[in-house]
């Protein structure tokens, strides 16, 4: 019986694809959530970030053009504003996130996912 995992995945991202392969190779049958299509809820992001022991600022994809365009790189921007922006623009969430029974990780670097596999 395969072990359970969830990956918040962007198939256009090479790191995300590599992490998905790592999860599968470790014997997991992951639920793949393409968050760029599915979007996020505030509750979902808060729970995911808490499980991964990250703040919204730490989970912000600073390389996304929207981060700069929306002024989110300013350290004075609140977590609440970051969360609202992430809901409106799912690309602002760094990827991939993986959740297993052992915990949640932002797989950056991708090898960090091994901690929960």
PDB file of N, CA and C in Angstrom:
ATOM      1  N   UNK A   1       0.841  -1.183   0.000  1.00  0.00           N
ATOM      2  CA  UNK A   1       0.000   0.000   0.000  1.00  0.00           C
ATOM      3  C   UNK A   1       0.890   1.252   0.000  1.00  0.00           C
ATOM      4  N   UNK A   2       0.651   2.123  -0.941  1.00  0.00           N
ATOM      5  CA  UNK A   2       1.454   3.340  -1.059  1.00  0.00           C
ATOM      6  C   UNK A   2       1.150   4.295   0.097  1.00  0.00           C
ATOM      7  N   UNK A   3       2.172   5.000   0.504  1.00  0.00           N
ATOM      8  CA  UNK A   3       2.011   6.001   1.550  1.00  0.00           C
ATOM      9  C   UNK A   3       1.368   7.246   0.955  1.00  0.00           C
ATOM     10  N   UNK A   4       0.691   8.018   1.818  1.00  0.00           N
ATOM     11  CA  UNK A   4      -0.037   9.194   1.343  1.00  0.00           C
ATOM     12  C   UNK A   4       0.788  10.464   1.464  1.00  0.00           C
ATOM     13  N   UNK A   5       0.629  11.310   0.458  1.00  0.00           N
ATOM     14  CA  UNK A   5       1.282  12.621   0.441  1.00  0.00           C
ATOM     15  C   UNK A   5       0.428  13.546  -0.412  1.00  0.00           C
ATOM     16  N   UNK A   6       0.585  14.826  -0.164  1.00  0.00           N
ATOM     17  CA  UNK A   6      -0.031  15.851  -1.007  1.00  0.00           C
ATOM     18  C   UNK A   6       1.081  16.763  -1.480  1.00  0.00           C
ATOM     19  N   UNK A   7       1.055  17.079  -2.761  1.00  0.00           N
ATOM     20  CA  UNK A   7       2.023  18.037  -3.297  1.00  0.00           C
ATOM     21  C   UNK A   7       1.250  19.163  -3.964  1.00  0.00           C
ATOM     22  N   UNK A   8       1.583  20.385  -3.568  1.00  0.00           N
ATOM     23  CA  UNK A   8       1.039  21.584  -4.206  1.00  0.00           C
ATOM     24  C   UNK A   8       2.025  21.905  -5.313  1.00  0.00           C
ATOM     25  N   UNK A   9       1.604  21.649  -6.528  1.00  0.00           N
ATOM     26  CA  UNK A   9       2.490  21.470  -7.664  1.00  0.00           C
ATOM     27  C   UNK A   9       2.186  22.452  -8.790  1.00  0.00           C
ATOM     28  N   UNK A  10       3.256  22.883  -9.454  1.00  0.00           N
ATOM     29  CA  UNK A  10       3.127  23.650 -10.692  1.00  0.00           C
ATOM     30  C   UNK A  10       3.901  22.859 -11.747  1.00  0.00           C
ATOM     31  N   UNK A  11       3.180  22.210 -12.685  1.00  0.00           N
ATOM     32  CA  UNK A  11       3.865  21.363 -13.662  1.00  0.00           C
ATOM     33  C   UNK A  11       4.815  22.125 -14.585  1.00  0.00           C
ATOM     34  N   UNK A  12       4.720  23.443 -14.630  1.00  0.00           N
ATOM     35  CA  UNK A  12       5.633  24.243 -15.456  1.00  0.00           C
ATOM     36  C   UNK A  12       6.980  24.471 -14.769  1.00  0.00           C
ATOM     37  N   UNK A  13       7.070  24.131 -13.504  1.00  0.00           N
ATOM     38  CA  UNK A  13       8.279  24.362 -12.701  1.00  0.00           C
ATOM     39  C   UNK A  13       9.120  23.084 -12.651  1.00  0.00           C
ATOM     40  N   UNK A  14      10.371  23.173 -13.080  1.00  0.00           N
ATOM     41  CA  UNK A  14      11.234  21.987 -13.090  1.00  0.00           C
ATOM     42  C   UNK A  14      11.488  21.460 -11.679  1.00  0.00           C
ATOM     43  N   UNK A  15      11.659  22.334 -10.702  1.00  0.00           N
ATOM     44  CA  UNK A  15      11.866  21.879  -9.326  1.00  0.00           C
ATOM     45  C   UNK A  15      10.641  21.124  -8.836  1.00  0.00           C
ATOM     46  N   UNK A  16       9.467  21.647  -9.133  1.00  0.00           N
ATOM     47  CA  UNK A  16       8.236  20.990  -8.720  1.00  0.00           C
ATOM     48  C   UNK A  16       8.120  19.602  -9.365  1.00  0.00           C
ATOM     49  N   UNK A  17       8.449  19.502 -10.632  1.00  0.00           N
ATOM     50  CA  UNK A  17       8.408  18.200 -11.317  1.00  0.00           C
ATOM     51  C   UNK A  17       9.408  17.229 -10.691  1.00  0.00           C
ATOM     52  N   UNK A  18      10.595  17.702 -10.380  1.00  0.00           N
ATOM     53  CA  UNK A  18      11.614  16.848  -9.769  1.00  0.00           C
ATOM     54  C   UNK A  18      11.187  16.370  -8.384  1.00  0.00           C
ATOM     55  N   UNK A  19      10.566  17.258  -7.617  1.00  0.00           N
ATOM     56  CA  UNK A  19      10.101  16.876  -6.279  1.00  0.00           C
ATOM     57  C   UNK A  19       8.981  15.847  -6.391  1.00  0.00           C
ATOM     58  N   UNK A  20       8.081  16.008  -7.329  1.00  0.00           N
ATOM     59  CA  UNK A  20       7.024  15.029  -7.541  1.00  0.00           C
ATOM     60  C   UNK A  20       7.640  13.660  -7.835  1.00  0.00           C
ATOM     61  N   UNK A  21       8.659  13.617  -8.665  1.00  0.00           N
ATOM     62  CA  UNK A  21       9.352  12.359  -8.969  1.00  0.00           C
ATOM     63  C   UNK A  21       9.989  11.766  -7.713  1.00  0.00           C
ATOM     64  N   UNK A  22      10.577  12.606  -6.865  1.00  0.00           N
ATOM     65  CA  UNK A  22      11.193  12.145  -5.619  1.00  0.00           C
ATOM     66  C   UNK A  22      10.154  11.520  -4.697  1.00  0.00           C
ATOM     67  N   UNK A  23       8.997  12.175  -4.586  1.00  0.00           N
ATOM     68  CA  UNK A  23       7.917  11.690  -3.726  1.00  0.00           C
ATOM     69  C   UNK A  23       7.434  10.326  -4.221  1.00  0.00           C
ATOM     70  N   UNK A  24       7.217  10.219  -5.517  1.00  0.00           N
ATOM     71  CA  UNK A  24       6.761   8.951  -6.093  1.00  0.00           C
ATOM     72  C   UNK A  24       7.816   7.862  -5.938  1.00  0.00           C
ATOM     73  N   UNK A  25       9.076   8.201  -6.156  1.00  0.00           N
ATOM     74  CA  UNK A  25      10.168   7.231  -6.032  1.00  0.00           C
ATOM     75  C   UNK A  25      10.317   6.719  -4.599  1.00  0.00           C
ATOM     76  N   UNK A  26       9.875   7.513  -3.625  1.00  0.00           N
ATOM     77  CA  UNK A  26       9.950   7.123  -2.212  1.00  0.00           C
ATOM     78  C   UNK A  26       8.768   6.243  -1.808  1.00  0.00           C
ATOM     79  N   UNK A  27       7.911   5.897  -2.781  1.00  0.00           N
ATOM     80  CA  UNK A  27       6.804   4.982  -2.496  1.00  0.00           C
ATOM     81  C   UNK A  27       5.496   5.641  -2.120  1.00  0.00           C
ATOM     82  N   UNK A  28       5.391   6.916  -2.362  1.00  0.00           N
ATOM     83  CA  UNK A  28       4.155   7.638  -2.065  1.00  0.00           C
ATOM     84  C   UNK A  28       3.266   7.692  -3.300  1.00  0.00           C
ATOM     85  N   UNK A  29       1.961   7.717  -3.048  1.00  0.00           N
ATOM     86  CA  UNK A  29       0.970   7.933  -4.105  1.00  0.00           C
ATOM     87  C   UNK A  29       0.395   9.326  -3.847  1.00  0.00           C
ATOM     88  N   UNK A  30       1.058  10.360  -4.357  1.00  0.00           N
ATOM     89  CA  UNK A  30       0.670  11.721  -3.966  1.00  0.00           C
ATOM     90  C   UNK A  30      -0.630  12.199  -4.606  1.00  0.00           C
ATOM     91  N   UNK A  31      -1.357  12.976  -3.822  1.00  0.00           N
ATOM     92  CA  UNK A  31      -2.449  13.766  -4.354  1.00  0.00           C
ATOM     93  C   UNK A  31      -1.782  15.016  -4.908  1.00  0.00           C
ATOM     94  N   UNK A  32      -1.963  15.266  -6.186  1.00  0.00           N
ATOM     95  CA  UNK A  32      -1.317  16.398  -6.842  1.00  0.00           C
ATOM     96  C   UNK A  32      -2.340  17.525  -6.982  1.00  0.00           C
ATOM     97  N   UNK A  33      -2.048  18.640  -6.348  1.00  0.00           N
ATOM     98  CA  UNK A  33      -2.924  19.809  -6.433  1.00  0.00           C
ATOM     99  C   UNK A  33      -2.196  20.871  -7.244  1.00  0.00           C
ATOM    100  N   UNK A  34      -2.725  21.143  -8.418  1.00  0.00           N
ATOM    101  CA  UNK A  34      -2.163  22.189  -9.265  1.00  0.00           C
ATOM    102  C   UNK A  34      -2.746  23.517  -8.788  1.00  0.00           C
ATOM    103  N   UNK A  35      -2.049  24.118  -7.833  1.00  0.00           N
ATOM    104  CA  UNK A  35      -2.576  25.304  -7.159  1.00  0.00           C
ATOM    105  C   UNK A  35      -2.759  26.496  -8.092  1.00  0.00           C
ATOM    106  N   UNK A  36      -2.066  26.516  -9.222  1.00  0.00           N
ATOM    107  CA  UNK A  36      -2.256  27.629 -10.159  1.00  0.00           C
ATOM    108  C   UNK A  36      -3.655  27.565 -10.776  1.00  0.00           C
ATOM    109  N   UNK A  37      -4.202  26.356 -10.882  1.00  0.00           N
ATOM    110  CA  UNK A  37      -5.572  26.180 -11.389  1.00  0.00           C
ATOM    111  C   UNK A  37      -6.586  26.231 -10.244  1.00  0.00           C
ATOM    112  N   UNK A  38      -6.259  25.544  -9.152  1.00  0.00           N
ATOM    113  CA  UNK A  38      -7.196  25.410  -8.033  1.00  0.00           C
ATOM    114  C   UNK A  38      -7.299  26.675  -7.189  1.00  0.00           C
ATOM    115  N   UNK A  39      -6.204  27.440  -7.125  1.00  0.00           N
ATOM    116  CA  UNK A  39      -6.178  28.615  -6.267  1.00  0.00           C
ATOM    117  C   UNK A  39      -5.974  28.229  -4.808  1.00  0.00           C
ATOM    118  N   UNK A  40      -6.046  29.233  -3.960  1.00  0.00           N
ATOM    119  CA  UNK A  40      -5.824  29.068  -2.519  1.00  0.00           C
ATOM    120  C   UNK A  40      -6.957  29.715  -1.746  1.00  0.00           C
ATOM    121  N   UNK A  41      -7.137  29.263  -0.512  1.00  0.00           N
ATOM    122  CA  UNK A  41      -7.981  29.977   0.448  1.00  0.00           C
ATOM    123  C   UNK A  41      -7.062  30.488   1.550  1.00  0.00           C
ATOM    124  N   UNK A  42      -7.518  31.490   2.266  1.00  0.00           N
ATOM    125  CA  UNK A  42      -6.708  32.031   3.363  1.00  0.00           C
ATOM    126  C   UNK A  42      -6.468  30.959   4.427  1.00  0.00           C
ATOM    127  N   UNK A  43      -7.516  30.207   4.753  1.00  0.00           N
ATOM    128  CA  UNK A  43      -7.399  29.145   5.764  1.00  0.00           C
ATOM    129  C   UNK A  43      -6.370  28.106   5.316  1.00  0.00           C
ATOM    130  N   UNK A  44      -6.441  27.711   4.076  1.00  0.00           N
ATOM    131  CA  UNK A  44      -5.518  26.714   3.534  1.00  0.00           C
ATOM    132  C   UNK A  44      -4.071  27.198   3.626  1.00  0.00           C
ATOM    133  N   UNK A  45      -3.823  28.440   3.205  1.00  0.00           N
ATOM    134  CA  UNK A  45      -2.460  28.979   3.267  1.00  0.00           C
ATOM    135  C   UNK A  45      -1.967  29.085   4.707  1.00  0.00           C
ATOM    136  N   UNK A  46      -2.808  29.579   5.603  1.00  0.00           N
ATOM    137  CA  UNK A  46      -2.392  29.709   7.001  1.00  0.00           C
ATOM    138  C   UNK A  46      -2.017  28.351   7.582  1.00  0.00           C
ATOM    139  N   UNK A  47      -2.831  27.330   7.299  1.00  0.00           N
ATOM    140  CA  UNK A  47      -2.561  25.996   7.830  1.00  0.00           C
ATOM    141  C   UNK A  47      -1.298  25.396   7.207  1.00  0.00           C
ATOM    142  N   UNK A  48      -1.126  25.579   5.915  1.00  0.00           N
ATOM    143  CA  UNK A  48       0.044  25.051   5.231  1.00  0.00           C
ATOM    144  C   UNK A  48       1.324  25.706   5.736  1.00  0.00           C
ATOM    145  N   UNK A  49       1.305  27.025   5.844  1.00  0.00           N
ATOM    146  CA  UNK A  49       2.491  27.745   6.320  1.00  0.00           C
ATOM    147  C   UNK A  49       2.801  27.383   7.768  1.00  0.00           C
ATOM    148  N   UNK A  50       1.771  27.252   8.607  1.00  0.00           N
ATOM    149  CA  UNK A  50       1.990  26.873  10.006  1.00  0.00           C
ATOM    150  C   UNK A  50       2.601  25.475  10.084  1.00  0.00           C
ATOM    151  N   UNK A  51       2.091  24.539   9.289  1.00  0.00           N
ATOM    152  CA  UNK A  51       2.603  23.170   9.293  1.00  0.00           C
ATOM    153  C   UNK A  51       4.063  23.123   8.837  1.00  0.00           C
ATOM    154  N   UNK A  52       4.421  24.008   7.919  1.00  0.00           N
ATOM    155  CA  UNK A  52       5.796  24.061   7.406  1.00  0.00           C
ATOM    156  C   UNK A  52       6.676  24.989   8.241  1.00  0.00           C
ATOM    157  N   UNK A  53       6.097  25.595   9.275  1.00  0.00           N
ATOM    158  CA  UNK A  53       6.814  26.522  10.154  1.00  0.00           C
ATOM    159  C   UNK A  53       7.393  27.706   9.377  1.00  0.00           C
ATOM    160  N   UNK A  54       6.549  28.273   8.494  1.00  0.00           N
ATOM    161  CA  UNK A  54       6.948  29.419   7.677  1.00  0.00           C
ATOM    162  C   UNK A  54       5.970  30.567   7.862  1.00  0.00           C
ATOM    163  N   UNK A  55       6.447  31.761   7.648  1.00  0.00           N
ATOM    164  CA  UNK A  55       5.578  32.930   7.603  1.00  0.00           C
ATOM    165  C   UNK A  55       5.177  33.161   6.142  1.00  0.00           C
ATOM    166  N   UNK A  56       4.138  33.935   5.919  1.00  0.00           N
ATOM    167  CA  UNK A  56       3.811  34.283   4.531  1.00  0.00           C
ATOM    168  C   UNK A  56       4.993  34.928   3.802  1.00  0.00           C
ATOM    169  N   UNK A  57       5.753  35.740   4.485  1.00  0.00           N
ATOM    170  CA  UNK A  57       6.926  36.383   3.873  1.00  0.00           C
ATOM    171  C   UNK A  57       7.930  35.326   3.398  1.00  0.00           C
ATOM    172  N   UNK A  58       8.158  34.292   4.222  1.00  0.00           N
ATOM    173  CA  UNK A  58       9.105  33.238   3.859  1.00  0.00           C
ATOM    174  C   UNK A  58       8.594  32.380   2.701  1.00  0.00           C
ATOM    175  N   UNK A  59       7.286  32.313   2.530  1.00  0.00           N
ATOM    176  CA  UNK A  59       6.686  31.504   1.466  1.00  0.00           C
ATOM    177  C   UNK A  59       6.398  32.308   0.204  1.00  0.00           C
ATOM    178  N   UNK A  60       6.733  33.589   0.226  1.00  0.00           N
ATOM    179  CA  UNK A  60       6.493  34.463  -0.928  1.00  0.00           C
ATOM    180  C   UNK A  60       7.478  34.141  -2.044  1.00  0.00           C
ATOM    181  N   UNK A  61       6.952  33.964  -3.228  1.00  0.00           N
ATOM    182  CA  UNK A  61       7.813  33.750  -4.404  1.00  0.00           C
ATOM    183  C   UNK A  61       8.275  35.116  -4.875  1.00  0.00           C
ATOM    184  N   UNK A  62       9.425  35.518  -4.405  1.00  0.00           N
ATOM    185  CA  UNK A  62       9.932  36.862  -4.694  1.00  0.00           C
ATOM    186  C   UNK A  62      10.339  37.024  -6.151  1.00  0.00           C
ATOM    187  N   UNK A  63      10.573  35.916  -6.854  1.00  0.00           N
ATOM    188  CA  UNK A  63      10.948  35.981  -8.271  1.00  0.00           C
ATOM    189  C   UNK A  63       9.752  36.270  -9.177  1.00  0.00           C
ATOM    190  N   UNK A  64       8.548  36.105  -8.653  1.00  0.00           N
ATOM    191  CA  UNK A  64       7.352  36.372  -9.461  1.00  0.00           C
ATOM    192  C   UNK A  64       7.261  37.875  -9.726  1.00  0.00           C
ATOM    193  N   UNK A  65       7.007  38.232 -10.960  1.00  0.00           N
ATOM    194  CA  UNK A  65       6.906  39.649 -11.331  1.00  0.00           C
ATOM    195  C   UNK A  65       5.867  40.370 -10.485  1.00  0.00           C
ATOM    196  N   UNK A  66       4.796  39.677 -10.147  1.00  0.00           N
ATOM    197  CA  UNK A  66       3.725  40.281  -9.349  1.00  0.00           C
ATOM    198  C   UNK A  66       4.200  40.728  -7.971  1.00  0.00           C
ATOM    199  N   UNK A  67       5.194  40.059  -7.416  1.00  0.00           N
ATOM    200  CA  UNK A  67       5.698  40.433  -6.093  1.00  0.00           C
ATOM    201  C   UNK A  67       6.232  41.861  -6.110  1.00  0.00           C
ATOM    202  N   UNK A  68       6.990  42.178  -7.136  1.00  0.00           N
ATOM    203  CA  UNK A  68       7.524  43.537  -7.248  1.00  0.00           C
ATOM    204  C   UNK A  68       6.433  44.516  -7.671  1.00  0.00           C
ATOM    205  N   UNK A  69       5.639  44.121  -8.661  1.00  0.00           N
ATOM    206  CA  UNK A  69       4.591  45.007  -9.187  1.00  0.00           C
ATOM    207  C   UNK A  69       3.600  45.431  -8.110  1.00  0.00           C
ATOM    208  N   UNK A  70       3.316  44.531  -7.181  1.00  0.00           N
ATOM    209  CA  UNK A  70       2.346  44.823  -6.119  1.00  0.00           C
ATOM    210  C   UNK A  70       2.997  45.418  -4.872  1.00  0.00           C
ATOM    211  N   UNK A  71       4.309  45.634  -4.918  1.00  0.00           N
ATOM    212  CA  UNK A  71       5.007  46.231  -3.785  1.00  0.00           C
ATOM    213  C   UNK A  71       5.187  45.291  -2.610  1.00  0.00           C
ATOM    214  N   UNK A  72       5.123  43.990  -2.858  1.00  0.00           N
ATOM    215  CA  UNK A  72       5.182  43.018  -1.767  1.00  0.00           C
ATOM    216  C   UNK A  72       6.585  42.742  -1.262  1.00  0.00           C
ATOM    217  N   UNK A  73       7.591  43.215  -1.971  1.00  0.00           N
ATOM    218  CA  UNK A  73       8.971  42.998  -1.528  1.00  0.00           C
ATOM    219  C   UNK A  73       9.357  43.947  -0.390  1.00  0.00           C
ATOM    220  N   UNK A  74       8.544  44.966  -0.173  1.00  0.00           N
ATOM    221  CA  UNK A  74       8.767  45.900   0.929  1.00  0.00           C
ATOM    222  C   UNK A  74       8.562  45.145   2.245  1.00  0.00           C
ATOM    223  N   UNK A  75       9.563  45.119   3.125  1.00  0.00           N
ATOM    224  CA  UNK A  75       9.442  44.365   4.376  1.00  0.00           C
ATOM    225  C   UNK A  75       8.343  44.876   5.307  1.00  0.00           C
ATOM    226  N   UNK A  76       7.809  46.056   5.055  1.00  0.00           N
ATOM    227  CA  UNK A  76       6.739  46.596   5.899  1.00  0.00           C
ATOM    228  C   UNK A  76       5.363  46.042   5.535  1.00  0.00           C
ATOM    229  N   UNK A  77       5.262  45.328   4.407  1.00  0.00           N
ATOM    230  CA  UNK A  77       3.980  44.746   4.004  1.00  0.00           C
ATOM    231  C   UNK A  77       3.600  43.678   5.029  1.00  0.00           C
ATOM    232  N   UNK A  78       2.364  43.725   5.491  1.00  0.00           N
ATOM    233  CA  UNK A  78       1.905  42.811   6.538  1.00  0.00           C
ATOM    234  C   UNK A  78       1.640  41.406   5.999  1.00  0.00           C
ATOM    235  N   UNK A  79       1.627  40.453   6.923  1.00  0.00           N
ATOM    236  CA  UNK A  79       1.282  39.080   6.546  1.00  0.00           C
ATOM    237  C   UNK A  79      -0.120  39.019   5.952  1.00  0.00           C
ATOM    238  N   UNK A  80      -1.035  39.786   6.505  1.00  0.00           N
ATOM    239  CA  UNK A  80      -2.413  39.792   6.003  1.00  0.00           C
ATOM    240  C   UNK A  80      -2.456  40.240   4.541  1.00  0.00           C
ATOM    241  N   UNK A  81      -1.683  41.266   4.215  1.00  0.00           N
ATOM    242  CA  UNK A  81      -1.655  41.740   2.833  1.00  0.00           C
ATOM    243  C   UNK A  81      -0.991  40.714   1.916  1.00  0.00           C
ATOM    244  N   UNK A  82       0.041  40.074   2.402  1.00  0.00           N
ATOM    245  CA  UNK A  82       0.699  39.029   1.616  1.00  0.00           C
ATOM    246  C   UNK A  82      -0.272  37.880   1.333  1.00  0.00           C
ATOM    247  N   UNK A  83      -0.992  37.445   2.352  1.00  0.00           N
ATOM    248  CA  UNK A  83      -1.962  36.365   2.164  1.00  0.00           C
ATOM    249  C   UNK A  83      -3.040  36.761   1.154  1.00  0.00           C
ATOM    250  N   UNK A  84      -3.552  37.966   1.272  1.00  0.00           N
ATOM    251  CA  UNK A  84      -4.573  38.435   0.321  1.00  0.00           C
ATOM    252  C   UNK A  84      -4.032  38.426  -1.107  1.00  0.00           C
ATOM    253  N   UNK A  85      -2.791  38.862  -1.275  1.00  0.00           N
ATOM    254  CA  UNK A  85      -2.176  38.883  -2.603  1.00  0.00           C
ATOM    255  C   UNK A  85      -1.973  37.461  -3.131  1.00  0.00           C
ATOM    256  N   UNK A  86      -1.591  36.539  -2.247  1.00  0.00           N
ATOM    257  CA  UNK A  86      -1.375  35.146  -2.653  1.00  0.00           C
ATOM    258  C   UNK A  86      -2.677  34.488  -3.116  1.00  0.00           C
ATOM    259  N   UNK A  87      -3.771  34.886  -2.497  1.00  0.00           N
ATOM    260  CA  UNK A  87      -5.076  34.355  -2.898  1.00  0.00           C
ATOM    261  C   UNK A  87      -5.459  34.907  -4.269  1.00  0.00           C
ATOM    262  N   UNK A  88      -5.200  36.168  -4.479  1.00  0.00           N
ATOM    263  CA  UNK A  88      -5.516  36.792  -5.767  1.00  0.00           C
ATOM    264  C   UNK A  88      -4.571  36.349  -6.882  1.00  0.00           C
ATOM    265  N   UNK A  89      -3.321  36.069  -6.523  1.00  0.00           N
ATOM    266  CA  UNK A  89      -2.281  35.714  -7.496  1.00  0.00           C
ATOM    267  C   UNK A  89      -1.546  34.464  -6.987  1.00  0.00           C
ATOM    268  N   UNK A  90      -2.061  33.259  -7.256  1.00  0.00           N
ATOM    269  CA  UNK A  90      -1.452  32.028  -6.735  1.00  0.00           C
ATOM    270  C   UNK A  90       0.033  31.871  -7.065  1.00  0.00           C
ATOM    271  N   UNK A  91       0.497  32.504  -8.132  1.00  0.00           N
ATOM    272  CA  UNK A  91       1.907  32.415  -8.509  1.00  0.00           C
ATOM    273  C   UNK A  91       2.824  32.987  -7.426  1.00  0.00           C
ATOM    274  N   UNK A  92       2.284  33.772  -6.521  1.00  0.00           N
ATOM    275  CA  UNK A  92       3.088  34.393  -5.467  1.00  0.00           C
ATOM    276  C   UNK A  92       3.508  33.419  -4.368  1.00  0.00           C
ATOM    277  N   UNK A  93       2.963  32.204  -4.375  1.00  0.00           N
ATOM    278  CA  UNK A  93       3.343  31.209  -3.378  1.00  0.00           C
ATOM    279  C   UNK A  93       4.497  30.391  -3.947  1.00  0.00           C
ATOM    280  N   UNK A  94       5.582  30.353  -3.191  1.00  0.00           N
ATOM    281  CA  UNK A  94       6.745  29.560  -3.610  1.00  0.00           C
ATOM    282  C   UNK A  94       6.325  28.103  -3.713  1.00  0.00           C
ATOM    283  N   UNK A  95       7.019  27.334  -4.521  1.00  0.00           N
ATOM    284  CA  UNK A  95       6.629  25.959  -4.755  1.00  0.00           C
ATOM    285  C   UNK A  95       7.846  25.060  -4.855  1.00  0.00           C
ATOM    286  N   UNK A  96       7.582  23.781  -4.702  1.00  0.00           N
ATOM    287  CA  UNK A  96       6.362  23.082  -4.309  1.00  0.00           C
ATOM    288  C   UNK A  96       6.313  22.884  -2.799  1.00  0.00           C
ATOM    289  N   UNK A  97       5.117  22.733  -2.290  1.00  0.00           N
ATOM    290  CA  UNK A  97       4.906  22.321  -0.907  1.00  0.00           C
ATOM    291  C   UNK A  97       4.520  20.858  -0.933  1.00  0.00           C
ATOM    292  N   UNK A  98       5.052  20.091   0.014  1.00  0.00           N
ATOM    293  CA  UNK A  98       4.715  18.676   0.145  1.00  0.00           C
ATOM    294  C   UNK A  98       4.269  18.435   1.581  1.00  0.00           C
ATOM    295  N   UNK A  99       3.183  17.668   1.728  1.00  0.00           N
ATOM    296  CA  UNK A  99       2.652  17.333   3.045  1.00  0.00           C
ATOM    297  C   UNK A  99       2.543  15.813   3.146  1.00  0.00           C
ATOM    298  N   UNK A 100       3.114  15.255   4.217  1.00  0.00           N
ATOM    299  CA  UNK A 100       2.973  13.827   4.516  1.00  0.00           C
ATOM    300  C   UNK A 100       2.590  13.707   5.989  1.00  0.00           C
ATOM    301  N   UNK A 101       2.438  12.476   6.452  1.00  0.00           N
ATOM    302  CA  UNK A 101       2.140  12.253   7.867  1.00  0.00           C
ATOM    303  C   UNK A 101       3.271  12.751   8.763  1.00  0.00           C
ATOM    304  N   UNK A 102       4.462  12.905   8.191  1.00  0.00           N
ATOM    305  CA  UNK A 102       5.631  13.359   8.955  1.00  0.00           C
ATOM    306  C   UNK A 102       5.781  14.870   8.991  1.00  0.00           C
ATOM    307  N   UNK A 103       4.922  15.610   8.275  1.00  0.00           N
ATOM    308  CA  UNK A 103       5.006  17.063   8.305  1.00  0.00           C
ATOM    309  C   UNK A 103       4.831  17.692   6.937  1.00  0.00           C
ATOM    310  N   UNK A 104       5.122  18.974   6.879  1.00  0.00           N
ATOM    311  CA  UNK A 104       4.997  19.748   5.635  1.00  0.00           C
ATOM    312  C   UNK A 104       6.303  20.474   5.385  1.00  0.00           C
ATOM    313  N   UNK A 105       6.674  20.569   4.123  1.00  0.00           N
ATOM    314  CA  UNK A 105       7.896  21.272   3.747  1.00  0.00           C
ATOM    315  C   UNK A 105       7.689  22.049   2.460  1.00  0.00           C
ATOM    316  N   UNK A 106       8.306  23.201   2.417  1.00  0.00           N
ATOM    317  CA  UNK A 106       8.495  23.904   1.159  1.00  0.00           C
ATOM    318  C   UNK A 106       9.775  23.295   0.602  1.00  0.00           C
ATOM    319  N   UNK A 107       9.671  22.621  -0.520  1.00  0.00           N
ATOM    320  CA  UNK A 107      10.806  21.872  -1.055  1.00  0.00           C
ATOM    321  C   UNK A 107      11.766  22.785  -1.818  1.00  0.00           C
ATOM    322  N   UNK A 108      12.313  23.736  -1.108  1.00  0.00           N
ATOM    323  CA  UNK A 108      13.349  24.630  -1.612  1.00  0.00           C
ATOM    324  C   UNK A 108      14.449  24.664  -0.556  1.00  0.00           C
ATOM    325  N   UNK A 109      15.560  24.051  -0.732  1.00  0.00           N
ATOM    326  CA  UNK A 109      15.924  23.262  -1.895  1.00  0.00           C
ATOM    327  C   UNK A 109      15.118  21.964  -1.939  1.00  0.00           C
ATOM    328  N   UNK A 110      15.056  21.370  -3.106  1.00  0.00           N
ATOM    329  CA  UNK A 110      14.210  20.189  -3.301  1.00  0.00           C
ATOM    330  C   UNK A 110      14.574  19.047  -2.356  1.00  0.00           C
ATOM    331  N   UNK A 111      15.828  18.939  -1.962  1.00  0.00           N
ATOM    332  CA  UNK A 111      16.273  17.870  -1.083  1.00  0.00           C
ATOM    333  C   UNK A 111      15.624  17.939   0.300  1.00  0.00           C
ATOM    334  N   UNK A 112      15.130  19.103   0.694  1.00  0.00           N
ATOM    335  CA  UNK A 112      14.520  19.252   2.009  1.00  0.00           C
ATOM    336  C   UNK A 112      13.261  18.389   2.159  1.00  0.00           C
ATOM    337  N   UNK A 113      12.674  17.981   1.055  1.00  0.00           N
ATOM    338  CA  UNK A 113      11.474  17.133   1.135  1.00  0.00           C
ATOM    339  C   UNK A 113      11.807  15.762   1.723  1.00  0.00           C
ATOM    340  N   UNK A 114      13.048  15.336   1.616  1.00  0.00           N
ATOM    341  CA  UNK A 114      13.443  14.016   2.152  1.00  0.00           C
ATOM    342  C   UNK A 114      13.195  13.938   3.662  1.00  0.00           C
ATOM    343  N   UNK A 115      13.202  15.080   4.350  1.00  0.00           N
ATOM    344  CA  UNK A 115      12.979  15.106   5.793  1.00  0.00           C
ATOM    345  C   UNK A 115      11.617  14.538   6.182  1.00  0.00           C
ATOM    346  N   UNK A 116      10.655  14.590   5.269  1.00  0.00           N
ATOM    347  CA  UNK A 116       9.302  14.132   5.608  1.00  0.00           C
ATOM    348  C   UNK A 116       8.861  12.910   4.801  1.00  0.00           C
ATOM    349  N   UNK A 117       9.772  12.338   4.045  1.00  0.00           N
ATOM    350  CA  UNK A 117       9.429  11.137   3.269  1.00  0.00           C
ATOM    351  C   UNK A 117       9.789   9.875   4.034  1.00  0.00           C
TER     352      UNK A 117
END
